[in-house]
């Protein structure tokens, strides 16, 4: 299994070889994966529904903007989403709040990639939020409270972390093949979103 540092370096290299529009699509796809994980694990009684609807709506608008199928003009606004990132110092903070924070921040970074920030580092910020979300969920299965190299390895090899990296690799391959074939971005994104 590839370690975290090697995976991230290889991912950065692969992303740098893609055109900006494909990097933006990758960022949006990873953000959507993170929102899905949040949705799957969210406790509906905590009142996250409105924030989740807002984030999903903005991601839908971001896809429309990227593909030119929505209203012309500016990309969707993301600054107000920051208000939906829970405070880690809150005494009630738990995995649900952590997942919400990761999902909202992934969406914010993905939307920022639409406005000229599609450099590889901006996209990697989305990837980092996805990693943290998967590790939060997988961390529930890791025994012990002390963060050690063994715990870090267990988190890297956790079910959700592995699933997330597989989805990222699949998305990257789909985008790369689409770019190489000259397929229109709209069609590449349709196959990407269809899974």
Foldseek 3Di string as FASTA:
>chain_A
DDDPVVLLVVVLVLLVPAPLLLLLLLLLLLLVVLLVLLVVPADVVPPCVVLSVVLVVLSVQQVCQSQVNDDDDDRDDLPVSVVLQDDPPDPPDALSSLSSNLSSQSSSLSSVSVVVVSRSVSSVSNVVSSLSNQLRVQVVVDDDDDDDPVSVVSSCVGPSNVVSVVLSVVSSVLSVVCVVVVPDPVVSSVVNVVD
